[in-house]
């Protein structure tokens, strides 16, 4: 099933309640990250389900991610072990490099180390190839089943493929109908790399999310007239139409939901099919890179000017609907 439960921005008792509900109605793939600060809550729920034998470990697929402060060869295993400890697991099914930009390490609790002037203290020596070699060692040691990356651009991914012994299994990036990232998805398909879409519904609450405050001009996908029209035609919700569009393209999706109704709704997308003309309608919604929501711009100039900052694509002004 090309579906995982996203857990970003969910913590504590709320997250535990959501996860218990999700597991009860059939979710088995869970996506988290050390930087989400919710691994311990997820671990408590997983441990309870495993100990009560309501689920077997082999039935679960758990993904976590190496934070930017872990983008140092000597810190890769350290942060992997922290995630395993938080989650109460002996191995992860997938471990991703969350961002190609490295931030200087201060301590385990400081996610965004700052310089004396208050700016983010990035590491000018970030070496993706050396970090990847340490990721490969995690597989060799049995701590990780699969390794991949997140928020990488095509050039960075191509470079990684040239140095990798174990090639990335998965690329996790922002993808939704307004921002379909066709080129890099095509590149991944040609190289046998699966694509996972975070923010597959366009993140309708983006204005409340710190990570997106630098770029909030994306329209609301859920109320787009074309999406609403197709939803009415198929007797489904707008969210179900958008998720179905993604999975029919072979994209794994990780939508987030906090109510049982939404969790169930997001699962109920395997009993209908979008015909080619409907898929083309949704394809036509793509507005290109100007509709990126998560650009991490809140981290400041030192982050944006880092040599591995991935979001500096070549801009075609003719595609800018706001130009």
Protein backbone atom coordinates (compact mmCIF):
# COMPACT_ATOMS: atom_id res chain seq x y z
CA UNK A 1 0.00 0.00 0.00
CA UNK A 2 1.50 3.34 -1.05
CA UNK A 3 0.45 5.05 2.15
CA UNK A 4 2.03 6.14 5.43
CA UNK A 5 0.83 8.13 8.39
CA UNK A 6 2.56 11.48 8.73
CA UNK A 7 3.18 12.60 12.30
CA UNK A 8 4.77 16.03 11.87
CA UNK A 9 3.44 18.63 14.34
CA UNK A 10 1.75 15.98 16.50
CA UNK A 11 3.17 15.42 19.98
CA UNK A 12 2.35 13.97 23.39
CA UNK A 13 -1.10 12.70 24.29
CA UNK A 14 -2.66 14.00 21.08
CA UNK A 15 -0.19 12.03 18.98
CA UNK A 16 -0.61 8.89 21.08
CA UNK A 17 -4.39 9.07 20.68
CA UNK A 18 -4.09 9.59 16.92
CA UNK A 19 -1.61 6.76 16.53
CA UNK A 20 -3.71 4.34 18.58
CA UNK A 21 -6.70 5.15 16.40
CA UNK A 22 -4.65 4.83 13.22
CA UNK A 23 -3.28 1.43 14.18
CA UNK A 24 -6.76 0.26 15.16
CA UNK A 25 -8.23 1.06 11.74
CA UNK A 26 -5.34 -0.49 9.84
CA UNK A 27 -2.40 1.89 9.44
CA UNK A 28 0.93 0.11 9.63
CA UNK A 29 3.39 2.59 8.04
CA UNK A 30 4.49 5.42 10.34
CA UNK A 31 6.69 8.35 9.33
CA UNK A 32 8.55 10.42 11.91
CA UNK A 33 11.90 12.17 12.44
CA UNK A 34 14.23 13.01 15.29
CA UNK A 35 13.59 16.67 14.48
CA UNK A 36 9.83 16.17 15.00
CA UNK A 37 10.47 15.67 18.75
CA UNK A 38 7.75 13.01 18.93
CA UNK A 39 9.62 9.71 18.63
CA UNK A 40 9.21 8.88 22.31
CA UNK A 41 5.42 9.24 22.11
CA UNK A 42 5.35 7.03 19.03
CA UNK A 43 7.61 4.55 20.80
CA UNK A 44 5.23 4.26 23.76
CA UNK A 45 2.33 3.38 21.48
CA UNK A 46 4.35 0.91 19.41
CA UNK A 47 5.66 -0.80 22.52
CA UNK A 48 2.14 -1.16 23.90
CA UNK A 49 0.88 -2.70 20.65
CA UNK A 50 3.83 -5.08 20.38
CA UNK A 51 3.66 -6.19 24.01
CA UNK A 52 -0.09 -6.81 23.80
CA UNK A 53 0.51 -8.78 20.58
CA UNK A 54 -2.00 -6.67 18.66
CA UNK A 55 0.64 -6.27 15.97
CA UNK A 56 3.90 -7.96 15.02
CA UNK A 57 7.05 -5.95 14.40
CA UNK A 58 7.33 -7.30 10.85
CA UNK A 59 3.89 -5.84 10.10
CA UNK A 60 5.07 -2.31 10.87
CA UNK A 61 7.11 -0.03 8.63
CA UNK A 62 8.76 2.74 10.63
CA UNK A 63 10.64 5.63 9.02
CA UNK A 64 12.75 8.21 10.83
CA UNK A 65 15.31 10.76 9.71
CA UNK A 66 18.79 12.06 10.43
CA UNK A 67 18.53 15.74 11.53
CA UNK A 68 20.71 18.52 10.07
CA UNK A 69 22.80 18.54 13.28
CA UNK A 70 23.58 14.90 12.53
CA UNK A 71 25.03 15.71 9.08
CA UNK A 72 28.53 14.87 10.31
CA UNK A 73 30.04 11.42 9.63
CA UNK A 74 30.82 10.85 13.30
CA UNK A 75 27.24 11.72 14.35
CA UNK A 76 25.23 9.56 11.91
CA UNK A 77 25.19 6.40 14.02
CA UNK A 78 24.75 8.43 17.20
CA UNK A 79 21.51 10.01 15.98
CA UNK A 80 20.28 6.73 14.52
CA UNK A 81 20.73 5.09 17.91
CA UNK A 82 18.93 7.98 19.60
CA UNK A 83 15.94 7.45 17.31
CA UNK A 84 15.99 3.71 17.94
CA UNK A 85 16.14 4.36 21.68
CA UNK A 86 13.28 6.86 21.51
CA UNK A 87 11.14 4.47 19.46
CA UNK A 88 12.07 1.40 21.51
CA UNK A 89 13.11 -0.51 18.40
CA UNK A 90 16.13 -2.61 17.43
CA UNK A 91 15.96 -1.51 13.79
CA UNK A 92 14.23 0.97 11.49
CA UNK A 93 12.63 0.02 8.20
CA UNK A 94 13.74 3.28 6.59
CA UNK A 95 16.18 5.98 7.65
CA UNK A 96 16.44 9.17 5.62
CA UNK A 97 18.83 12.11 5.53
CA UNK A 98 16.26 14.81 6.29
CA UNK A 99 18.09 17.73 4.65
CA UNK A 100 21.35 17.97 2.71
CA UNK A 101 22.39 21.09 4.66
CA UNK A 102 24.46 20.44 7.76
CA UNK A 103 24.11 22.42 10.99
CA UNK A 104 26.86 22.49 13.58
CA UNK A 105 26.32 20.03 16.43
CA UNK A 106 26.08 21.48 19.93
CA UNK A 107 24.11 18.89 21.89
CA UNK A 108 21.36 16.36 21.27
CA UNK A 109 18.60 18.72 22.37
CA UNK A 110 19.55 21.71 20.23
CA UNK A 111 18.03 21.13 16.80
CA UNK A 112 19.16 24.45 15.32
CA UNK A 113 22.49 25.50 16.78
CA UNK A 114 22.89 29.27 16.60
CA UNK A 115 25.92 31.52 16.21
CA UNK A 116 26.63 34.40 18.62
CA UNK A 117 24.79 36.78 16.28
CA UNK A 118 21.65 34.62 16.50
CA UNK A 119 21.85 33.11 13.02
CA UNK A 120 21.81 29.37 12.31
CA UNK A 121 25.32 27.93 12.63
CA UNK A 122 25.58 25.90 9.45
CA UNK A 123 28.54 23.65 8.75
CA UNK A 124 30.49 24.79 5.70
CA UNK A 125 32.21 21.40 5.58
CA UNK A 126 29.07 19.34 4.96
CA UNK A 127 30.01 16.35 2.81
CA UNK A 128 26.99 14.36 1.63
CA UNK A 129 29.13 11.52 0.26
CA UNK A 130 30.89 10.94 3.60
CA UNK A 131 27.58 11.07 5.47
CA UNK A 132 26.11 8.56 3.03
CA UNK A 133 28.96 6.12 3.66
CA UNK A 134 28.00 6.18 7.34
CA UNK A 135 24.35 5.59 6.39
CA UNK A 136 25.46 2.51 4.45
CA UNK A 137 27.24 1.21 7.55
CA UNK A 138 23.94 1.34 9.44
CA UNK A 139 22.51 -1.11 6.92
CA UNK A 140 25.56 -3.35 7.17
CA UNK A 141 25.19 -3.40 10.97
CA UNK A 142 21.49 -4.31 10.79
CA UNK A 143 20.24 -1.11 12.40
CA UNK A 144 18.45 0.00 9.24
CA UNK A 145 16.70 -1.99 6.51
CA UNK A 146 16.59 0.77 3.87
CA UNK A 147 18.24 4.18 3.53
CA UNK A 148 17.17 7.22 1.57
CA UNK A 149 17.07 10.99 1.45
CA UNK A 150 14.64 13.86 1.82
CA UNK A 151 14.59 17.38 0.36
CA UNK A 152 17.44 16.66 -2.07
CA UNK A 153 17.44 18.15 -5.55
CA UNK A 154 18.23 16.20 -8.71
CA UNK A 155 21.86 17.33 -8.89
CA UNK A 156 22.50 16.20 -5.31
CA UNK A 157 20.77 12.90 -5.92
CA UNK A 158 22.78 12.28 -9.08
CA UNK A 159 26.01 12.98 -7.19
CA UNK A 160 24.97 10.54 -4.48
CA UNK A 161 24.28 7.80 -7.03
CA UNK A 162 27.85 8.15 -8.32
CA UNK A 163 29.38 7.48 -4.89
CA UNK A 164 26.85 5.11 -3.34
CA UNK A 165 27.43 1.42 -2.83
CA UNK A 166 23.88 1.11 -1.50
CA UNK A 167 21.80 3.49 -3.58
CA UNK A 168 18.96 5.47 -1.97
CA UNK A 169 15.77 3.44 -1.79
CA UNK A 170 13.50 6.43 -1.43
CA UNK A 171 13.34 10.20 -1.92
CA UNK A 172 10.89 12.08 0.29
CA UNK A 173 9.94 15.51 -1.06
CA UNK A 174 7.08 17.97 -1.11
CA UNK A 175 4.65 16.93 -3.84
CA UNK A 176 1.05 17.97 -4.36
CA UNK A 177 -1.16 18.81 -7.33
CA UNK A 178 0.06 22.43 -7.46
CA UNK A 179 3.71 21.34 -7.16
CA UNK A 180 4.18 18.00 -8.91
CA UNK A 181 8.01 17.90 -9.23
CA UNK A 182 7.84 15.87 -12.44
CA UNK A 183 11.52 16.09 -13.40
CA UNK A 184 12.95 14.70 -10.20
CA UNK A 185 10.22 12.07 -9.97
CA UNK A 186 11.09 10.97 -13.49
CA UNK A 187 14.77 10.83 -12.55
CA UNK A 188 13.95 8.68 -9.52
CA UNK A 189 11.86 6.28 -11.58
CA UNK A 190 14.64 5.91 -14.15
CA UNK A 191 17.05 5.03 -11.32
CA UNK A 192 14.80 2.68 -9.37
CA UNK A 193 14.18 5.08 -6.48
CA UNK A 194 10.69 5.36 -5.02
CA UNK A 195 9.18 8.78 -4.28
CA UNK A 196 7.28 9.72 -1.15
CA UNK A 197 5.19 12.89 -1.06
CA UNK A 198 4.91 14.86 2.11
CA UNK A 199 2.35 17.65 2.10
CA UNK A 200 0.24 15.75 -0.52
CA UNK A 201 -2.82 17.89 0.25
CA UNK A 202 -0.88 21.15 -0.11
CA UNK A 203 -0.71 21.63 3.68
CA UNK A 204 -3.94 23.66 4.12
CA UNK A 205 -2.76 24.85 7.56
CA UNK A 206 0.59 26.08 6.23
CA UNK A 207 0.15 29.57 7.66
CA UNK A 208 0.41 28.08 11.15
CA UNK A 209 3.52 26.05 10.36
CA UNK A 210 6.91 27.55 11.16
CA UNK A 211 8.70 25.72 8.35
CA UNK A 212 6.61 27.39 5.66
CA UNK A 213 6.46 31.00 6.82
CA UNK A 214 8.85 32.18 4.14
CA UNK A 215 6.56 31.09 1.31
CA UNK A 216 2.82 30.92 1.94
CA UNK A 217 1.31 31.95 -1.36
CA UNK A 218 0.06 28.49 -2.32
CA UNK A 219 -3.69 28.36 -2.87
CA UNK A 220 -5.94 25.95 -1.00
CA UNK A 221 -5.97 22.74 -3.01
CA UNK A 222 -8.93 21.33 -1.11
CA UNK A 223 -11.16 24.12 -2.39
CA UNK A 224 -9.79 24.29 -5.92
CA UNK A 225 -12.85 24.27 -8.26
CA UNK A 226 -11.49 21.43 -10.38
CA UNK A 227 -10.75 19.26 -7.35
CA UNK A 228 -14.16 20.01 -5.83
CA UNK A 229 -15.87 19.19 -9.13
CA UNK A 230 -14.10 15.83 -9.41
CA UNK A 231 -14.88 15.09 -5.77
CA UNK A 232 -18.58 15.64 -6.38
CA UNK A 233 -18.47 13.55 -9.55
CA UNK A 234 -16.73 10.63 -7.81
CA UNK A 235 -18.71 11.06 -4.57
CA UNK A 236 -15.47 11.44 -2.65
CA UNK A 237 -13.85 14.23 -0.65
CA UNK A 238 -11.31 16.64 -2.15
CA UNK A 239 -8.60 15.04 -0.02
CA UNK A 240 -9.43 11.60 -1.38
CA UNK A 241 -9.22 12.87 -4.95
CA UNK A 242 -5.79 14.40 -4.35
CA UNK A 243 -4.43 11.31 -2.60
CA UNK A 244 -5.81 9.03 -5.32
CA UNK A 245 -4.16 11.20 -7.98
CA UNK A 246 -0.80 10.75 -6.26
CA UNK A 247 -0.93 7.01 -5.71
CA UNK A 248 -2.06 6.37 -9.29
CA UNK A 249 1.21 8.03 -10.27
CA UNK A 250 3.11 5.54 -8.11
CA UNK A 251 3.83 8.06 -5.35
CA UNK A 252 3.77 7.05 -1.70
CA UNK A 253 1.88 9.64 0.38
CA UNK A 254 2.18 10.60 4.03
CA UNK A 255 -0.80 12.80 4.88
CA UNK A 256 -1.36 13.83 8.47
CA UNK A 257 -4.74 13.61 10.19
CA UNK A 258 -5.82 14.09 13.78
CA UNK A 259 -9.40 12.74 13.83
CA UNK A 260 -10.71 9.22 13.31
CA UNK A 261 -12.94 10.47 10.50
CA UNK A 262 -10.04 11.99 8.58
CA UNK A 263 -7.80 8.99 9.23
CA UNK A 264 -10.47 6.66 7.85
CA UNK A 265 -11.22 8.97 4.94
CA UNK A 266 -7.56 9.03 3.93
CA UNK A 267 -7.51 5.22 3.90
CA UNK A 268 -10.68 4.88 1.81
CA UNK A 269 -9.09 5.68 -1.53
CA UNK A 270 -8.62 2.17 -2.89
CA UNK A 271 -12.22 1.56 -3.95
CA UNK A 272 -12.31 3.97 -6.88
CA UNK A 273 -10.17 4.90 -9.86
CA UNK A 274 -9.52 8.17 -11.68
CA UNK A 275 -9.84 7.70 -15.43
CA UNK A 276 -7.11 9.12 -17.74
CA UNK A 277 -9.06 12.30 -18.55
CA UNK A 278 -9.51 13.02 -14.83
CA UNK A 279 -5.83 12.41 -14.18
CA UNK A 280 -4.96 14.87 -16.96
CA UNK A 281 -7.23 17.47 -15.39
CA UNK A 282 -5.37 17.17 -12.11
CA UNK A 283 -2.02 17.12 -13.90
CA UNK A 284 -2.91 20.49 -15.40
CA UNK A 285 -3.03 22.06 -11.91
CA UNK A 286 0.76 21.97 -11.65
CA UNK A 287 2.10 25.51 -11.15
CA UNK A 288 5.75 24.58 -10.81
CA UNK A 289 8.31 25.55 -8.21
CA UNK A 290 6.55 28.76 -7.21
CA UNK A 291 4.07 26.67 -5.27
CA UNK A 292 6.66 25.18 -2.92
CA UNK A 293 5.40 25.45 0.64
CA UNK A 294 8.28 24.10 2.71
CA UNK A 295 11.43 25.99 1.79
CA UNK A 296 12.98 26.20 5.27
CA UNK A 297 13.50 29.92 4.67
CA UNK A 298 12.79 30.63 8.33
CA UNK A 299 16.26 29.29 9.11
CA UNK A 300 17.76 32.46 7.68
CA UNK A 301 20.39 33.63 5.25
CA UNK A 302 23.19 31.35 6.43
CA UNK A 303 21.00 28.35 5.72
CA UNK A 304 19.82 29.62 2.33
CA UNK A 305 23.38 30.37 1.20
CA UNK A 306 24.83 27.02 2.31
CA UNK A 307 26.55 25.20 -0.56
CA UNK A 308 24.12 22.27 -0.23
CA UNK A 309 20.90 24.30 0.08
CA UNK A 310 18.62 22.33 -2.27
CA UNK A 311 15.93 24.87 -3.14
CA UNK A 312 17.67 27.10 -5.66
CA UNK A 313 16.21 25.82 -8.93
CA UNK A 314 16.57 27.58 -12.24
CA UNK A 315 13.54 29.84 -12.53
CA UNK A 316 11.43 30.13 -15.63
CA UNK A 317 9.58 33.41 -15.13
CA UNK A 318 6.99 32.41 -17.74
CA UNK A 319 5.72 29.74 -15.36
CA UNK A 320 5.23 32.14 -12.45
CA UNK A 321 1.49 32.74 -12.03
CA UNK A 322 2.31 35.64 -9.69
CA UNK A 323 4.75 37.33 -12.11
